[in-house]
Structures are given as structure tokens and as C-alpha cells.
Amino acid sequence: MRIVGGKHKGRKLFTPLTDDIRPTTDKVRESLFNILGQYISGTFFDVFGGSGAVGIEAYSRGATVTINDANRKSVELIKKNVALVTNTEIKVINYDFKTAIRVQKAPFDYIFLDPPYKYDAEPIFEELLKNNLIHDNTIIIYEHNSEKEVQIKGLNCYDTRKYGYCIISFYKKENN
């Protein structure tokens, strides 16, 4: 597992030692950031950080990043990977998704959701809306393995890409 673009391109990251963490593959991250742009600016929130690879990739490409995970072992791995690129510029937090969303003070430009595949994603989207973490131009990136598109009042799925078993769906507020 490595950073595929930006100022830290090629940097190897520590990989999870268990199957409990399912990192987004290099290929999917590269495709994701080809869609978002080689370099991005603004704020990026990874709600289910896992290994931290997606948030670190966003940081490498110019974003201000917050990475959360509820699992302490994941947070330890994320901190280890963050230390490879910075010690202070990526905020790492350890909350369940509802608390992680509630403690944020302002909306984000990008929100990455890669919950365990068994999760029902609708409550996550609803929590983001309820806590005003989405502005008119926020892009929500949802990684999942189901063909079923999540339907949330107030959000529009404007693009979906499939990479093997992995599906990435992009959402924005409606009327944008």
C-alpha cells in the first residue's frame, strides 16, 4: 500500500495486520483522485479511516484532513501512517461515526464514507445532513459493495464507478 499521488507520491504506508480493516486499494484511490482532481484544496473528512490511506492521499494532494475511526487499533495504524508524512497537520480522532460527525464545527468540502460493508449507510448520510457538515458544493464519496444506490432526501447521487467488488458513489446536495 502506497500513496499514489501528490507531494508524498510513492511513500509506502503500513498495512493492517488483520482482515478487520479493509483498506481502499491503490488502484481505487488513484481512480478516485483522478475524478476529484490531481490536487485538491479545502477540507476532507474520512469518517471511517481504517488504515488512513484515503485521508493521507487527500493530504498529499493538498487538502486539510480529519481522519476518524471508532476502532483503537485502526487509530494506532492511522497515527503510524500519518507520522510518515506529518506529525501535526492531519487531525486523527477516535469516535463512533455519530460522535465524530457531531463534534465537527464546520462543513467539509469532501467527505469520504467507507463504513464496514454490513452497515446501513442511510443513518450516516442523515447524520451528516442533520449536523450541517454538508455545504452546497460538498462532495460525499461513498465506498460500498452493493449495487443498491442509497436514496437520501436532499442528496443526489451524480456518479457511480465500479472497480471489481468495490463501488464508489458520489453525492452532492440536490439542486446543484
C-alpha atoms as a PDB file:
ATOM      1  CA  MET A   1       0.000   0.000   0.000  1.00  0.00           C
ATOM      2  CA  ARG A   2       1.443   3.352  -1.049  1.00  0.00           C
ATOM      3  CA  ILE A   3       0.499   6.967  -1.674  1.00  0.00           C
ATOM      4  CA  VAL A   4      -0.283   7.209  -5.382  1.00  0.00           C
ATOM      5  CA  GLY A   5      -0.129  10.969  -5.977  1.00  0.00           C
ATOM      6  CA  GLY A   6       0.719  14.415  -4.683  1.00  0.00           C
ATOM      7  CA  LYS A   7       3.740  15.599  -2.731  1.00  0.00           C
ATOM      8  CA  HIS A   8       4.193  12.237  -0.960  1.00  0.00           C
ATOM      9  CA  LYS A   9       3.711  10.063  -4.052  1.00  0.00           C
ATOM     10  CA  GLY A  10       5.362   6.663  -3.737  1.00  0.00           C
ATOM     11  CA  ARG A  11       5.596   6.738   0.066  1.00  0.00           C
ATOM     12  CA  LYS A  12       4.812   3.285   1.437  1.00  0.00           C
ATOM     13  CA  LEU A  13       2.224   3.005   4.189  1.00  0.00           C
ATOM     14  CA  PHE A  14       1.913   0.423   6.941  1.00  0.00           C
ATOM     15  CA  THR A  15      -0.704  -2.200   6.141  1.00  0.00           C
ATOM     16  CA  PRO A  16      -3.255  -3.654   8.533  1.00  0.00           C
ATOM     17  CA  LEU A  17      -2.251  -6.882  10.234  1.00  0.00           C
ATOM     18  CA  THR A  18      -5.832  -8.183  10.388  1.00  0.00           C
ATOM     19  CA  ASP A  19      -8.721  -8.618   7.994  1.00  0.00           C
ATOM     20  CA  ASP A  20     -10.838  -6.332  10.206  1.00  0.00           C
ATOM     21  CA  ILE A  21      -9.505  -3.330   8.286  1.00  0.00           C
ATOM     22  CA  ARG A  22     -10.253  -3.245   4.557  1.00  0.00           C
ATOM     23  CA  PRO A  23      -8.043  -0.528   3.019  1.00  0.00           C
ATOM     24  CA  THR A  24      -9.119   1.163  -0.189  1.00  0.00           C
ATOM     25  CA  THR A  25      -6.755  -0.229  -2.810  1.00  0.00           C
ATOM     26  CA  ASP A  26      -4.113   1.873  -4.559  1.00  0.00           C
ATOM     27  CA  LYS A  27      -5.991   1.437  -7.851  1.00  0.00           C
ATOM     28  CA  VAL A  28      -9.297   2.680  -6.418  1.00  0.00           C
ATOM     29  CA  ARG A  29      -7.622   5.624  -4.637  1.00  0.00           C
ATOM     30  CA  GLU A  30      -5.831   6.583  -7.851  1.00  0.00           C
ATOM     31  CA  SER A  31      -9.109   6.446  -9.786  1.00  0.00           C
ATOM     32  CA  LEU A  32     -10.924   8.389  -7.069  1.00  0.00           C
ATOM     33  CA  PHE A  33      -8.400  11.221  -7.133  1.00  0.00           C
ATOM     34  CA  ASN A  34      -8.290  11.231 -10.933  1.00  0.00           C
ATOM     35  CA  ILE A  35     -12.010  12.035 -10.703  1.00  0.00           C
ATOM     36  CA  LEU A  36     -11.654  14.626  -7.909  1.00  0.00           C
ATOM     37  CA  GLY A  37      -8.509  16.178  -9.361  1.00  0.00           C
ATOM     38  CA  GLN A  38      -4.789  15.583  -9.123  1.00  0.00           C
ATOM     39  CA  TYR A  39      -4.576  18.302  -6.461  1.00  0.00           C
ATOM     40  CA  ILE A  40      -7.473  19.276  -4.259  1.00  0.00           C
ATOM     41  CA  SER A  41      -7.891  22.117  -1.833  1.00  0.00           C
ATOM     42  CA  GLY A  42     -10.282  22.522   1.024  1.00  0.00           C
ATOM     43  CA  THR A  43     -11.266  20.261   3.861  1.00  0.00           C
ATOM     44  CA  PHE A  44     -11.509  16.470   3.751  1.00  0.00           C
ATOM     45  CA  PHE A  45     -13.184  14.262   6.377  1.00  0.00           C
ATOM     46  CA  ASP A  46     -12.634  10.488   6.354  1.00  0.00           C
ATOM     47  CA  VAL A  47     -15.323   9.191   8.723  1.00  0.00           C
ATOM     48  CA  PHE A  48     -14.212   5.522   8.782  1.00  0.00           C
ATOM     49  CA  GLY A  49     -10.433   5.874   8.459  1.00  0.00           C
ATOM     50  CA  GLY A  50      -9.298   2.228   8.613  1.00  0.00           C
ATOM     51  CA  SER A  51      -5.623   2.498   7.643  1.00  0.00           C
ATOM     52  CA  GLY A  52      -5.835   6.238   6.947  1.00  0.00           C
ATOM     53  CA  ALA A  53      -4.748   5.753   3.323  1.00  0.00           C
ATOM     54  CA  VAL A  54      -7.555   7.806   1.730  1.00  0.00           C
ATOM     55  CA  GLY A  55      -7.180  10.746   4.113  1.00  0.00           C
ATOM     56  CA  ILE A  56      -3.383  10.692   3.766  1.00  0.00           C
ATOM     57  CA  GLU A  57      -3.809  10.616  -0.024  1.00  0.00           C
ATOM     58  CA  ALA A  58      -6.048  13.710   0.219  1.00  0.00           C
ATOM     59  CA  TYR A  59      -3.436  15.418   2.397  1.00  0.00           C
ATOM     60  CA  SER A  60      -0.695  14.543  -0.093  1.00  0.00           C
ATOM     61  CA  ARG A  61      -2.786  16.264  -2.763  1.00  0.00           C
ATOM     62  CA  GLY A  62      -3.346  19.481  -0.802  1.00  0.00           C
ATOM     63  CA  ALA A  63      -6.387  19.050   1.462  1.00  0.00           C
ATOM     64  CA  THR A  64      -6.717  19.840   5.157  1.00  0.00           C
ATOM     65  CA  VAL A  65      -7.655  16.454   6.620  1.00  0.00           C
ATOM     66  CA  THR A  66      -9.506  14.949   9.567  1.00  0.00           C
ATOM     67  CA  ILE A  67      -9.497  11.147   9.881  1.00  0.00           C
ATOM     68  CA  ASN A  68     -11.754   9.283  12.292  1.00  0.00           C
ATOM     69  CA  ASP A  69     -12.142   5.658  13.238  1.00  0.00           C
ATOM     70  CA  ALA A  70     -14.027   4.022  16.114  1.00  0.00           C
ATOM     71  CA  ASN A  71     -11.534   1.162  16.475  1.00  0.00           C
ATOM     72  CA  ARG A  72      -8.486   1.926  18.643  1.00  0.00           C
ATOM     73  CA  LYS A  73      -6.249  -0.450  16.652  1.00  0.00           C
ATOM     74  CA  SER A  74      -7.230   1.348  13.460  1.00  0.00           C
ATOM     75  CA  VAL A  75      -6.445   4.700  15.075  1.00  0.00           C
ATOM     76  CA  GLU A  76      -3.000   3.400  16.102  1.00  0.00           C
ATOM     77  CA  LEU A  77      -2.372   2.323  12.478  1.00  0.00           C
ATOM     78  CA  ILE A  78      -3.658   5.651  11.152  1.00  0.00           C
ATOM     79  CA  LYS A  79      -1.325   7.571  13.501  1.00  0.00           C
ATOM     80  CA  LYS A  80       1.607   5.398  12.421  1.00  0.00           C
ATOM     81  CA  ASN A  81       0.829   6.145   8.761  1.00  0.00           C
ATOM     82  CA  VAL A  82       0.234   9.849   9.401  1.00  0.00           C
ATOM     83  CA  ALA A  83       3.662  10.064  11.070  1.00  0.00           C
ATOM     84  CA  LEU A  84       5.205   9.024   7.737  1.00  0.00           C
ATOM     85  CA  VAL A  85       4.050  12.307   6.159  1.00  0.00           C
ATOM     86  CA  THR A  86       3.432  14.750   9.042  1.00  0.00           C
ATOM     87  CA  ASN A  87       3.122  14.813  12.812  1.00  0.00           C
ATOM     88  CA  THR A  88       0.732  17.707  13.225  1.00  0.00           C
ATOM     89  CA  GLU A  89      -1.190  18.608  10.082  1.00  0.00           C
ATOM     90  CA  ILE A  90      -3.648  15.685   9.882  1.00  0.00           C
ATOM     91  CA  LYS A  91      -6.167  15.551  12.715  1.00  0.00           C
ATOM     92  CA  VAL A  92      -6.846  11.968  13.874  1.00  0.00           C
ATOM     93  CA  ILE A  93      -9.852  11.307  16.116  1.00  0.00           C
ATOM     94  CA  ASN A  94     -11.292   8.173  17.749  1.00  0.00           C
ATOM     95  CA  TYR A  95     -15.112   8.245  17.898  1.00  0.00           C
ATOM     96  CA  ASP A  96     -18.084   6.259  16.666  1.00  0.00           C
ATOM     97  CA  PHE A  97     -19.380   7.859  13.449  1.00  0.00           C
ATOM     98  CA  LYS A  98     -22.250   9.763  15.135  1.00  0.00           C
ATOM     99  CA  THR A  99     -19.979  11.388  17.708  1.00  0.00           C
ATOM    100  CA  ALA A 100     -17.284  12.082  15.105  1.00  0.00           C
ATOM    101  CA  ILE A 101     -19.847  13.927  12.991  1.00  0.00           C
ATOM    102  CA  ARG A 102     -21.376  15.802  15.949  1.00  0.00           C
ATOM    103  CA  VAL A 103     -18.043  17.182  17.219  1.00  0.00           C
ATOM    104  CA  GLN A 104     -17.146  18.828  13.899  1.00  0.00           C
ATOM    105  CA  LYS A 105     -17.508  22.609  13.878  1.00  0.00           C
ATOM    106  CA  ALA A 106     -17.889  23.372  10.171  1.00  0.00           C
ATOM    107  CA  PRO A 107     -18.922  21.734   6.911  1.00  0.00           C
ATOM    108  CA  PHE A 108     -16.350  19.896   4.808  1.00  0.00           C
ATOM    109  CA  ASP A 109     -15.573  20.175   1.102  1.00  0.00           C
ATOM    110  CA  TYR A 110     -15.106  16.392   0.790  1.00  0.00           C
ATOM    111  CA  ILE A 111     -16.481  13.629   2.996  1.00  0.00           C
ATOM    112  CA  PHE A 112     -15.312  10.057   2.460  1.00  0.00           C
ATOM    113  CA  LEU A 113     -17.507   7.249   3.760  1.00  0.00           C
ATOM    114  CA  ASP A 114     -16.175   3.704   3.740  1.00  0.00           C
ATOM    115  CA  PRO A 115     -18.098   2.018   6.553  1.00  0.00           C
ATOM    116  CA  PRO A 116     -17.947  -1.718   7.124  1.00  0.00           C
ATOM    117  CA  TYR A 117     -19.966  -3.227   4.295  1.00  0.00           C
ATOM    118  CA  LYS A 118     -22.541  -4.615   6.747  1.00  0.00           C
ATOM    119  CA  TYR A 119     -23.531  -1.073   7.833  1.00  0.00           C
ATOM    120  CA  ASP A 120     -26.690   0.578   6.648  1.00  0.00           C
ATOM    121  CA  ALA A 121     -25.351   3.834   5.191  1.00  0.00           C
ATOM    122  CA  GLU A 122     -28.577   5.840   5.366  1.00  0.00           C
ATOM    123  CA  PRO A 123     -28.139   6.833   9.052  1.00  0.00           C
ATOM    124  CA  ILE A 124     -24.618   8.056   8.258  1.00  0.00           C
ATOM    125  CA  PHE A 125     -25.847  10.329   5.455  1.00  0.00           C
ATOM    126  CA  GLU A 126     -28.728  11.532   7.635  1.00  0.00           C
ATOM    127  CA  GLU A 127     -26.322  12.363  10.469  1.00  0.00           C
ATOM    128  CA  LEU A 128     -24.156  14.420   8.082  1.00  0.00           C
ATOM    129  CA  LEU A 129     -27.218  16.390   6.943  1.00  0.00           C
ATOM    130  CA  LYS A 130     -28.614  16.814  10.456  1.00  0.00           C
ATOM    131  CA  ASN A 131     -25.315  18.214  11.743  1.00  0.00           C
ATOM    132  CA  ASN A 132     -24.804  20.616   8.819  1.00  0.00           C
ATOM    133  CA  LEU A 133     -21.499  19.140   7.652  1.00  0.00           C
ATOM    134  CA  ILE A 134     -22.528  19.485   4.005  1.00  0.00           C
ATOM    135  CA  HIS A 135     -22.496  22.800   2.152  1.00  0.00           C
ATOM    136  CA  ASP A 136     -23.737  23.393  -1.399  1.00  0.00           C
ATOM    137  CA  ASN A 137     -20.501  22.167  -3.002  1.00  0.00           C
ATOM    138  CA  THR A 138     -19.580  19.319  -0.641  1.00  0.00           C
ATOM    139  CA  ILE A 139     -18.774  16.083  -2.425  1.00  0.00           C
ATOM    140  CA  ILE A 140     -19.619  12.940  -0.464  1.00  0.00           C
ATOM    141  CA  ILE A 141     -17.723   9.886  -1.649  1.00  0.00           C
ATOM    142  CA  TYR A 142     -19.294   6.601  -0.577  1.00  0.00           C
ATOM    143  CA  GLU A 143     -17.367   3.329  -0.985  1.00  0.00           C
ATOM    144  CA  HIS A 144     -19.581   0.253  -0.847  1.00  0.00           C
ATOM    145  CA  ASN A 145     -20.106  -3.185  -2.354  1.00  0.00           C
ATOM    146  CA  SER A 146     -23.819  -3.121  -3.080  1.00  0.00           C
ATOM    147  CA  GLU A 147     -25.426  -2.218  -6.378  1.00  0.00           C
ATOM    148  CA  LYS A 148     -28.166  -0.505  -4.378  1.00  0.00           C
ATOM    149  CA  GLU A 149     -27.898   3.270  -4.549  1.00  0.00           C
ATOM    150  CA  VAL A 150     -28.560   4.994  -1.235  1.00  0.00           C
ATOM    151  CA  GLN A 151     -31.527   7.351  -1.562  1.00  0.00           C
ATOM    152  CA  ILE A 152     -31.403  10.274   0.872  1.00  0.00           C
ATOM    153  CA  LYS A 153     -33.787  13.214   0.704  1.00  0.00           C
ATOM    154  CA  GLY A 154     -31.746  16.318  -0.051  1.00  0.00           C
ATOM    155  CA  LEU A 155     -28.839  14.474  -1.714  1.00  0.00           C
ATOM    156  CA  ASN A 156     -28.300  13.446  -5.322  1.00  0.00           C
ATOM    157  CA  CYS A 157     -26.049  10.584  -6.456  1.00  0.00           C
ATOM    158  CA  TYR A 158     -24.482  12.129  -9.560  1.00  0.00           C
ATOM    159  CA  ASP A 159     -21.875   9.480 -10.450  1.00  0.00           C
ATOM    160  CA  THR A 160     -21.069   5.841  -9.669  1.00  0.00           C
ATOM    161  CA  ARG A 161     -17.964   3.862 -10.629  1.00  0.00           C
ATOM    162  CA  LYS A 162     -17.336   0.153 -10.182  1.00  0.00           C
ATOM    163  CA  TYR A 163     -13.914  -1.398  -9.507  1.00  0.00           C
ATOM    164  CA  GLY A 164     -14.365  -5.160  -9.116  1.00  0.00           C
ATOM    165  CA  TYR A 165     -16.361  -5.695  -5.930  1.00  0.00           C
ATOM    166  CA  CYS A 166     -15.840  -2.056  -4.880  1.00  0.00           C
ATOM    167  CA  ILE A 167     -18.280   0.684  -5.902  1.00  0.00           C
ATOM    168  CA  ILE A 168     -17.671   4.398  -5.421  1.00  0.00           C
ATOM    169  CA  SER A 169     -20.723   6.687  -5.489  1.00  0.00           C
ATOM    170  CA  PHE A 170     -20.554  10.489  -5.490  1.00  0.00           C
ATOM    171  CA  TYR A 171     -23.235  12.635  -3.853  1.00  0.00           C
ATOM    172  CA  LYS A 172     -23.998  16.352  -3.654  1.00  0.00           C
ATOM    173  CA  LYS A 173     -26.845  18.378  -2.273  1.00  0.00           C
ATOM    174  CA  GLU A 174     -29.833  18.444  -4.594  1.00  0.00           C
ATOM    175  CA  ASN A 175     -30.281  21.461  -6.918  1.00  0.00           C
ATOM    176  CA  ASN A 176     -26.530  21.740  -7.531  1.00  0.00           C
END
